[in-house]
Amino acid sequence: MTTPSGRSNLRRHVRSAVELPVTVADANNSVDGHIQFDTQDLSEGGAFVRSDLLFEVGEELSLTFGLPDGKQVKARGRVVRVARETGDEGVAGMGIEFLDLSDADRDAILALVTRGSHG
């Protein structure tokens, strides 16, 4: 299956387009403060986080975001892809793979994206 951008869809998990505020911090705390992002696409395995400020591939980050039901999800993730495109060509941001996510948080994300992908 290919996406509208022509990229092959090789994703392992069901994904849904959602907009949630996400707080991201460098896992080594070398970044002073937290940055708010919106997720464009979320799954139990990771997220694409839209942002003009990009971390490097391989960097580990701490993420915190609230689901629509009010549940706060905390995860540790690794940057696996960086997209620098902006404007009509695409959206700048980072693909982040979740490395550490509790079973309860994983189930809550799965329930949200499954519900979102079916209307």
N, C-alpha and C. Protein backbone atom coordinates (compact mmCIF):
# COMPACT_ATOMS: atom_id res chain seq x y z
N MET A 1 0.85 -1.17 0.00
CA MET A 1 0.00 0.00 0.00
C MET A 1 0.89 1.23 0.00
N THR A 2 0.52 2.24 -0.78
CA THR A 2 1.28 3.48 -0.79
C THR A 2 0.42 4.61 -0.27
N THR A 3 1.07 5.62 0.29
CA THR A 3 0.37 6.78 0.83
C THR A 3 0.20 7.80 -0.28
N PRO A 4 -0.59 8.86 -0.07
CA PRO A 4 -0.74 9.89 -1.10
C PRO A 4 0.60 10.51 -1.51
N SER A 5 1.58 10.53 -0.62
CA SER A 5 2.88 11.10 -0.96
C SER A 5 3.72 10.13 -1.78
N GLY A 6 3.19 8.91 -2.02
CA GLY A 6 3.91 7.92 -2.80
C GLY A 6 4.81 7.04 -1.97
N ARG A 7 4.88 7.29 -0.67
CA ARG A 7 5.72 6.46 0.19
C ARG A 7 5.00 5.17 0.51
N SER A 8 5.74 4.12 0.57
CA SER A 8 5.19 2.82 0.90
C SER A 8 4.77 2.80 2.36
N ASN A 9 3.63 2.21 2.67
CA ASN A 9 3.14 2.14 4.03
C ASN A 9 3.59 0.81 4.63
N LEU A 10 4.70 0.84 5.36
CA LEU A 10 5.26 -0.37 5.95
C LEU A 10 5.05 -0.41 7.46
N ARG A 11 4.08 0.30 7.95
CA ARG A 11 3.86 0.41 9.39
C ARG A 11 3.34 -0.89 9.97
N ARG A 12 3.81 -1.18 11.20
CA ARG A 12 3.42 -2.42 11.87
C ARG A 12 2.17 -2.26 12.71
N HIS A 13 1.78 -1.02 13.05
CA HIS A 13 0.67 -0.78 13.96
C HIS A 13 -0.40 0.07 13.30
N VAL A 14 -1.65 -0.11 13.74
CA VAL A 14 -2.75 0.74 13.29
C VAL A 14 -2.44 2.16 13.76
N ARG A 15 -2.63 3.13 12.86
CA ARG A 15 -2.36 4.53 13.19
C ARG A 15 -3.61 5.35 12.94
N SER A 16 -3.67 6.47 13.62
CA SER A 16 -4.77 7.39 13.43
C SER A 16 -4.23 8.81 13.48
N ALA A 17 -4.78 9.69 12.65
CA ALA A 17 -4.40 11.09 12.70
C ALA A 17 -5.14 11.74 13.86
N VAL A 18 -4.42 12.24 14.82
CA VAL A 18 -4.99 12.92 15.98
C VAL A 18 -4.14 14.14 16.27
N GLU A 19 -4.73 15.13 16.91
CA GLU A 19 -3.96 16.29 17.33
C GLU A 19 -4.02 16.34 18.85
N LEU A 20 -2.86 16.16 19.47
CA LEU A 20 -2.74 16.18 20.92
C LEU A 20 -1.52 17.00 21.28
N PRO A 21 -1.60 17.81 22.33
CA PRO A 21 -0.38 18.51 22.76
C PRO A 21 0.59 17.50 23.37
N VAL A 22 1.86 17.59 22.98
CA VAL A 22 2.88 16.66 23.46
C VAL A 22 4.04 17.47 24.03
N THR A 23 4.48 17.11 25.22
CA THR A 23 5.67 17.72 25.80
C THR A 23 6.83 16.78 25.57
N VAL A 24 7.90 17.29 24.98
CA VAL A 24 9.06 16.48 24.63
C VAL A 24 10.29 17.07 25.30
N ALA A 25 11.10 16.21 25.92
CA ALA A 25 12.35 16.64 26.53
C ALA A 25 13.44 15.66 26.16
N ASP A 26 14.64 16.18 25.99
CA ASP A 26 15.80 15.34 25.74
C ASP A 26 15.95 14.40 26.92
N ALA A 27 16.13 13.11 26.66
CA ALA A 27 16.21 12.10 27.73
C ALA A 27 17.40 12.35 28.65
N ASN A 28 18.43 13.02 28.15
CA ASN A 28 19.60 13.32 28.97
C ASN A 28 19.48 14.66 29.67
N ASN A 29 18.30 15.29 29.55
CA ASN A 29 18.04 16.59 30.16
C ASN A 29 19.02 17.67 29.72
N SER A 30 19.60 17.52 28.52
CA SER A 30 20.51 18.55 28.05
C SER A 30 19.76 19.70 27.39
N VAL A 31 18.47 19.52 27.15
CA VAL A 31 17.64 20.60 26.63
C VAL A 31 16.95 21.25 27.81
N ASP A 32 17.08 22.55 27.92
CA ASP A 32 16.50 23.27 29.06
C ASP A 32 15.03 23.54 28.79
N GLY A 33 14.17 22.90 29.52
CA GLY A 33 12.74 23.11 29.37
C GLY A 33 12.09 22.07 28.47
N HIS A 34 10.81 22.26 28.27
CA HIS A 34 10.02 21.35 27.46
C HIS A 34 9.43 22.11 26.28
N ILE A 35 9.08 21.40 25.24
CA ILE A 35 8.56 22.00 24.02
C ILE A 35 7.21 21.37 23.73
N GLN A 36 6.22 22.17 23.37
CA GLN A 36 4.89 21.66 23.03
C GLN A 36 4.83 21.34 21.54
N PHE A 37 4.32 20.19 21.20
CA PHE A 37 4.13 19.78 19.81
C PHE A 37 2.69 19.31 19.65
N ASP A 38 2.29 19.09 18.43
CA ASP A 38 1.04 18.39 18.14
C ASP A 38 1.41 17.12 17.41
N THR A 39 0.78 16.01 17.80
CA THR A 39 1.03 14.77 17.07
C THR A 39 0.16 14.76 15.83
N GLN A 40 0.70 14.32 14.75
CA GLN A 40 -0.07 14.21 13.52
C GLN A 40 -0.56 12.79 13.36
N ASP A 41 0.22 11.85 13.85
CA ASP A 41 -0.11 10.47 13.58
C ASP A 41 0.46 9.64 14.72
N LEU A 42 -0.39 8.83 15.29
CA LEU A 42 -0.08 8.14 16.53
C LEU A 42 -0.43 6.66 16.41
N SER A 43 0.41 5.80 17.00
CA SER A 43 0.10 4.38 17.11
C SER A 43 0.66 3.89 18.43
N GLU A 44 0.38 2.64 18.75
CA GLU A 44 0.93 2.07 19.97
C GLU A 44 2.44 1.90 19.87
N GLY A 45 2.99 1.98 18.66
CA GLY A 45 4.43 1.82 18.46
C GLY A 45 5.20 3.12 18.38
N GLY A 46 4.49 4.25 18.19
CA GLY A 46 5.19 5.51 18.10
C GLY A 46 4.29 6.61 17.57
N ALA A 47 4.92 7.73 17.20
CA ALA A 47 4.16 8.88 16.72
C ALA A 47 5.02 9.70 15.77
N PHE A 48 4.34 10.42 14.88
CA PHE A 48 5.02 11.45 14.11
C PHE A 48 4.66 12.76 14.77
N VAL A 49 5.66 13.49 15.23
CA VAL A 49 5.45 14.72 15.97
C VAL A 49 5.84 15.90 15.09
N ARG A 50 4.87 16.76 14.79
CA ARG A 50 5.15 17.94 13.97
C ARG A 50 5.89 18.98 14.80
N SER A 51 6.95 19.52 14.23
CA SER A 51 7.72 20.54 14.94
C SER A 51 8.72 21.19 14.01
N ASP A 52 9.02 22.44 14.26
CA ASP A 52 10.10 23.12 13.53
C ASP A 52 11.43 22.85 14.21
N LEU A 53 11.41 22.54 15.50
CA LEU A 53 12.63 22.19 16.23
C LEU A 53 12.78 20.68 16.17
N LEU A 54 13.86 20.20 15.56
CA LEU A 54 14.03 18.78 15.33
C LEU A 54 15.23 18.23 16.09
N PHE A 55 15.05 17.07 16.69
CA PHE A 55 16.15 16.35 17.31
C PHE A 55 16.78 15.46 16.23
N GLU A 56 17.92 14.90 16.52
CA GLU A 56 18.63 14.06 15.55
C GLU A 56 18.15 12.61 15.64
N VAL A 57 18.23 11.90 14.52
CA VAL A 57 17.91 10.47 14.50
C VAL A 57 18.80 9.77 15.52
N GLY A 58 18.19 8.90 16.33
CA GLY A 58 18.91 8.15 17.35
C GLY A 58 18.80 8.77 18.74
N GLU A 59 18.41 10.05 18.83
CA GLU A 59 18.29 10.67 20.15
C GLU A 59 17.10 10.10 20.89
N GLU A 60 17.27 9.89 22.20
CA GLU A 60 16.18 9.40 23.04
C GLU A 60 15.51 10.58 23.72
N LEU A 61 14.17 10.54 23.77
CA LEU A 61 13.37 11.63 24.30
C LEU A 61 12.37 11.10 25.31
N SER A 62 11.97 11.98 26.23
CA SER A 62 10.86 11.70 27.13
C SER A 62 9.65 12.43 26.57
N LEU A 63 8.52 11.75 26.47
CA LEU A 63 7.30 12.36 25.94
C LEU A 63 6.18 12.24 26.95
N THR A 64 5.37 13.27 27.05
CA THR A 64 4.18 13.26 27.89
C THR A 64 3.06 13.88 27.07
N PHE A 65 1.92 13.18 26.99
CA PHE A 65 0.79 13.76 26.27
C PHE A 65 -0.52 13.30 26.88
N GLY A 66 -1.53 14.15 26.76
CA GLY A 66 -2.86 13.85 27.28
C GLY A 66 -3.75 13.32 26.19
N LEU A 67 -4.45 12.24 26.47
CA LEU A 67 -5.43 11.69 25.53
C LEU A 67 -6.75 12.43 25.71
N PRO A 68 -7.64 12.36 24.72
CA PRO A 68 -8.92 13.07 24.82
C PRO A 68 -9.73 12.74 26.07
N ASP A 69 -9.57 11.54 26.62
CA ASP A 69 -10.31 11.17 27.83
C ASP A 69 -9.66 11.70 29.10
N GLY A 70 -8.55 12.46 28.96
CA GLY A 70 -7.89 13.05 30.11
C GLY A 70 -6.71 12.25 30.64
N LYS A 71 -6.54 11.02 30.17
CA LYS A 71 -5.43 10.19 30.63
C LYS A 71 -4.10 10.78 30.15
N GLN A 72 -3.12 10.86 31.05
CA GLN A 72 -1.77 11.33 30.71
C GLN A 72 -0.90 10.12 30.38
N VAL A 73 -0.27 10.14 29.22
CA VAL A 73 0.62 9.08 28.79
C VAL A 73 2.05 9.58 28.90
N LYS A 74 2.91 8.76 29.50
CA LYS A 74 4.33 9.07 29.58
C LYS A 74 5.08 7.96 28.88
N ALA A 75 6.02 8.35 28.01
CA ALA A 75 6.75 7.36 27.24
C ALA A 75 8.19 7.81 27.06
N ARG A 76 9.04 6.84 26.83
CA ARG A 76 10.41 7.11 26.40
C ARG A 76 10.46 6.68 24.95
N GLY A 77 11.07 7.50 24.11
CA GLY A 77 11.11 7.19 22.69
C GLY A 77 12.44 7.54 22.06
N ARG A 78 12.62 7.07 20.84
CA ARG A 78 13.83 7.35 20.07
C ARG A 78 13.42 7.94 18.72
N VAL A 79 14.12 8.99 18.30
CA VAL A 79 13.88 9.59 16.99
C VAL A 79 14.38 8.61 15.93
N VAL A 80 13.48 8.19 15.03
CA VAL A 80 13.86 7.24 13.98
C VAL A 80 13.81 7.86 12.59
N ARG A 81 13.20 9.04 12.49
CA ARG A 81 13.09 9.71 11.19
C ARG A 81 12.91 11.19 11.43
N VAL A 82 13.54 12.00 10.58
CA VAL A 82 13.38 13.45 10.65
C VAL A 82 12.92 13.93 9.28
N ALA A 83 11.86 14.74 9.26
CA ALA A 83 11.34 15.32 8.01
C ALA A 83 11.51 16.83 8.12
N ARG A 84 12.26 17.40 7.21
CA ARG A 84 12.52 18.85 7.24
C ARG A 84 11.64 19.62 6.26
N GLU A 85 10.79 18.93 5.48
CA GLU A 85 9.95 19.59 4.50
C GLU A 85 8.91 20.47 5.18
N THR A 86 8.58 21.58 4.53
CA THR A 86 7.51 22.44 5.01
C THR A 86 6.71 22.92 3.82
N GLY A 87 5.60 23.58 4.07
CA GLY A 87 4.77 24.10 2.99
C GLY A 87 4.02 23.00 2.27
N ASP A 88 3.85 23.19 0.94
CA ASP A 88 3.09 22.22 0.15
C ASP A 88 3.79 20.88 0.04
N GLU A 89 5.09 20.83 0.28
CA GLU A 89 5.87 19.61 0.12
C GLU A 89 5.72 18.64 1.30
N GLY A 90 5.28 19.12 2.44
CA GLY A 90 5.15 18.23 3.59
C GLY A 90 5.16 18.98 4.89
N VAL A 91 5.33 18.24 5.96
CA VAL A 91 5.30 18.79 7.30
C VAL A 91 6.61 18.47 7.99
N ALA A 92 7.24 19.47 8.59
CA ALA A 92 8.46 19.23 9.35
C ALA A 92 8.11 18.51 10.65
N GLY A 93 8.94 17.54 11.02
CA GLY A 93 8.69 16.82 12.27
C GLY A 93 9.58 15.62 12.40
N MET A 94 9.25 14.79 13.38
CA MET A 94 10.08 13.62 13.71
C MET A 94 9.22 12.39 13.89
N GLY A 95 9.67 11.27 13.37
CA GLY A 95 9.08 9.98 13.66
C GLY A 95 9.74 9.46 14.93
N ILE A 96 8.93 9.15 15.93
CA ILE A 96 9.45 8.70 17.22
C ILE A 96 8.91 7.31 17.53
N GLU A 97 9.82 6.39 17.77
CA GLU A 97 9.46 5.02 18.16
C GLU A 97 9.40 4.96 19.68
N PHE A 98 8.31 4.43 20.23
CA PHE A 98 8.21 4.27 21.67
C PHE A 98 9.11 3.13 22.12
N LEU A 99 9.98 3.40 23.08
CA LEU A 99 10.87 2.37 23.63
C LEU A 99 10.34 1.84 24.95
N ASP A 100 9.68 2.69 25.71
CA ASP A 100 9.19 2.31 27.03
C ASP A 100 7.81 2.94 27.21
N LEU A 101 6.79 2.09 27.30
CA LEU A 101 5.41 2.51 27.42
C LEU A 101 4.70 1.48 28.26
N SER A 102 3.98 1.91 29.30
CA SER A 102 3.29 0.95 30.16
C SER A 102 2.19 0.24 29.37
N ASP A 103 1.80 -0.94 29.83
CA ASP A 103 0.73 -1.68 29.17
C ASP A 103 -0.56 -0.88 29.17
N ALA A 104 -0.86 -0.18 30.27
CA ALA A 104 -2.08 0.62 30.36
C ALA A 104 -2.05 1.76 29.34
N ASP A 105 -0.89 2.42 29.20
CA ASP A 105 -0.77 3.50 28.22
C ASP A 105 -0.87 2.96 26.81
N ARG A 106 -0.25 1.82 26.54
CA ARG A 106 -0.32 1.20 25.22
C ARG A 106 -1.77 0.85 24.88
N ASP A 107 -2.51 0.29 25.84
CA ASP A 107 -3.92 -0.07 25.61
C ASP A 107 -4.77 1.17 25.35
N ALA A 108 -4.49 2.27 26.08
CA ALA A 108 -5.25 3.51 25.90
C ALA A 108 -5.01 4.09 24.51
N ILE A 109 -3.76 4.07 24.05
CA ILE A 109 -3.44 4.56 22.70
C ILE A 109 -4.10 3.68 21.66
N LEU A 110 -4.02 2.36 21.82
CA LEU A 110 -4.62 1.43 20.87
C LEU A 110 -6.13 1.66 20.79
N ALA A 111 -6.79 1.86 21.92
CA ALA A 111 -8.24 2.12 21.92
C ALA A 111 -8.55 3.41 21.16
N LEU A 112 -7.72 4.44 21.35
CA LEU A 112 -7.95 5.72 20.66
C LEU A 112 -7.75 5.58 19.15
N VAL A 113 -6.66 4.97 18.72
CA VAL A 113 -6.39 4.90 17.28
C VAL A 113 -7.32 3.92 16.58
N THR A 114 -7.73 2.87 17.25
CA THR A 114 -8.67 1.93 16.66
C THR A 114 -10.03 2.60 16.46
N ARG A 115 -10.45 3.36 17.46
CA ARG A 115 -11.71 4.09 17.37
C ARG A 115 -11.60 5.14 16.26
N GLY A 116 -10.45 5.84 16.17
CA GLY A 116 -10.25 6.88 15.16
C GLY A 116 -10.18 6.33 13.75
N SER A 117 -9.64 5.12 13.58
CA SER A 117 -9.49 4.57 12.23
C SER A 117 -10.78 3.98 11.70
N HIS A 118 -11.77 3.83 12.55
CA HIS A 118 -13.05 3.28 12.11
C HIS A 118 -14.16 4.32 12.11
N GLY A 119 -13.76 5.60 12.10
CA GLY A 119 -14.77 6.65 11.98
C GLY A 119 -15.03 7.25 13.30
